[in-house]
C-alpha atoms as a PDB file:
ATOM      1  CA  VAL A   1     -39.976  20.322  26.634  1.00  0.00           C
ATOM      2  CA  VAL A   2     -43.664  20.044  25.730  1.00  0.00           C
ATOM      3  CA  LEU A   3     -45.049  22.475  23.157  1.00  0.00           C
ATOM      4  CA  ARG A   4     -48.780  23.138  23.167  1.00  0.00           C
ATOM      5  CA  HIS A   5     -49.092  25.125  19.920  1.00  0.00           C
ATOM      6  CA  VAL A   6     -48.329  22.319  17.443  1.00  0.00           C
ATOM      7  CA  PRO A   7     -51.230  21.594  15.055  1.00  0.00           C
ATOM      8  CA  LYS A   8     -53.018  18.267  15.643  1.00  0.00           C
ATOM      9  CA  HIS A   9     -51.382  17.896  19.097  1.00  0.00           C
ATOM     10  CA  LYS A  10     -53.882  19.555  21.430  1.00  0.00           C
ATOM     11  CA  GLU A  11     -52.500  17.630  24.408  1.00  0.00           C
ATOM     12  CA  GLY A  12     -49.033  18.995  23.629  1.00  0.00           C
ATOM     13  CA  LEU A  13     -46.045  17.542  21.801  1.00  0.00           C
ATOM     14  CA  ASP A  14     -42.961  16.374  23.666  1.00  0.00           C
ATOM     15  CA  VAL A  15     -40.100  17.495  21.422  1.00  0.00           C
ATOM     16  CA  GLN A  16     -37.420  15.466  23.241  1.00  0.00           C
ATOM     17  CA  GLY A  17     -35.473  13.574  20.572  1.00  0.00           C
ATOM     18  CA  LEU A  18     -36.865  15.477  17.581  1.00  0.00           C
ATOM     19  CA  GLU A  19     -34.379  17.042  15.158  1.00  0.00           C
ATOM     20  CA  GLY A  20     -34.877  20.447  13.597  1.00  0.00           C
ATOM     21  CA  GLU A  21     -32.944  23.262  11.975  1.00  0.00           C
ATOM     22  CA  VAL A  22     -32.101  26.556  13.678  1.00  0.00           C
ATOM     23  CA  ILE A  23     -33.481  29.221  11.356  1.00  0.00           C
ATOM     24  CA  LYS A  24     -32.929  32.327  13.511  1.00  0.00           C
ATOM     25  CA  SER A  25     -31.111  33.347  16.657  1.00  0.00           C
ATOM     26  CA  TYR A  26     -32.398  36.569  18.188  1.00  0.00           C
ATOM     27  CA  GLY A  27     -30.040  39.048  19.863  1.00  0.00           C
ATOM     28  CA  ARG A  28     -30.785  41.216  22.883  1.00  0.00           C
ATOM     29  CA  GLY A  29     -32.298  44.045  20.845  1.00  0.00           C
ATOM     30  CA  ASP A  30     -34.458  41.791  18.687  1.00  0.00           C
ATOM     31  CA  ILE A  31     -38.065  40.999  19.438  1.00  0.00           C
ATOM     32  CA  SER A  32     -38.835  37.292  19.847  1.00  0.00           C
ATOM     33  CA  ALA A  33     -41.610  35.127  21.222  1.00  0.00           C
ATOM     34  CA  ASN A  34     -40.044  34.476  24.622  1.00  0.00           C
ATOM     35  CA  ARG A  35     -37.043  32.313  23.749  1.00  0.00           C
ATOM     36  CA  PRO A  36     -34.147  33.457  21.526  1.00  0.00           C
ATOM     37  CA  ILE A  37     -33.612  30.467  19.204  1.00  0.00           C
ATOM     38  CA  LYS A  38     -36.147  29.698  16.463  1.00  0.00           C
ATOM     39  CA  VAL A  39     -36.133  26.077  15.238  1.00  0.00           C
ATOM     40  CA  GLU A  40     -38.043  24.603  12.292  1.00  0.00           C
ATOM     41  CA  PHE A  41     -39.130  20.955  12.411  1.00  0.00           C
ATOM     42  CA  GLN A  42     -40.272  18.895   9.419  1.00  0.00           C
ATOM     43  CA  SER A  43     -42.201  16.017  11.003  1.00  0.00           C
ATOM     44  CA  PRO A  44     -44.546  17.230  12.259  1.00  0.00           C
ATOM     45  CA  ARG A  45     -44.061  20.550  10.450  1.00  0.00           C
ATOM     46  CA  PHE A  46     -43.928  23.460  12.919  1.00  0.00           C
ATOM     47  CA  VAL A  47     -41.672  26.185  14.295  1.00  0.00           C
ATOM     48  CA  GLY A  48     -40.790  26.593  17.961  1.00  0.00           C
ATOM     49  CA  HIS A  49     -38.752  29.022  20.054  1.00  0.00           C
ATOM     50  CA  PHE A  50     -36.209  27.576  22.483  1.00  0.00           C
ATOM     51  CA  ASP A  51     -33.627  28.635  25.043  1.00  0.00           C
ATOM     52  CA  VAL A  52     -29.997  27.540  24.604  1.00  0.00           C
ATOM     53  CA  ASN A  53     -30.236  24.998  27.446  1.00  0.00           C
ATOM     54  CA  GLU A  54     -33.234  23.292  25.768  1.00  0.00           C
ATOM     55  CA  LEU A  55     -31.264  22.280  22.651  1.00  0.00           C
ATOM     56  CA  SER A  56     -28.517  19.808  21.796  1.00  0.00           C
ATOM     57  CA  LEU A  57     -26.175  19.959  18.832  1.00  0.00           C
ATOM     58  CA  VAL A  58     -26.509  16.999  16.469  1.00  0.00           C
ATOM     59  CA  ASP A  59     -23.675  16.041  14.119  1.00  0.00           C
ATOM     60  CA  GLN A  60     -24.570  16.188  10.453  1.00  0.00           C
ATOM     61  CA  PRO A  61     -22.903  14.163   7.699  1.00  0.00           C
ATOM     62  CA  GLU A  62     -20.565  16.059   5.386  1.00  0.00           C
ATOM     63  CA  ALA A  63     -22.122  17.251   2.125  1.00  0.00           C
ATOM     64  CA  THR A  64     -20.598  15.680  -0.958  1.00  0.00           C
END
């Protein structure tokens, strides 16, 4: 998936392999951009909207 709205990436940013945090999941009645899952990335810092089939679950270490 290539996003074209990321600051300092006018040519687009391929987000394959980047890790982010799901910050919102929109339901049917909610208004969203055009994809129901909102993900925040830290490097580079931006937010993107994705469809379920565009994401993969990444295991996280247990908090101590």
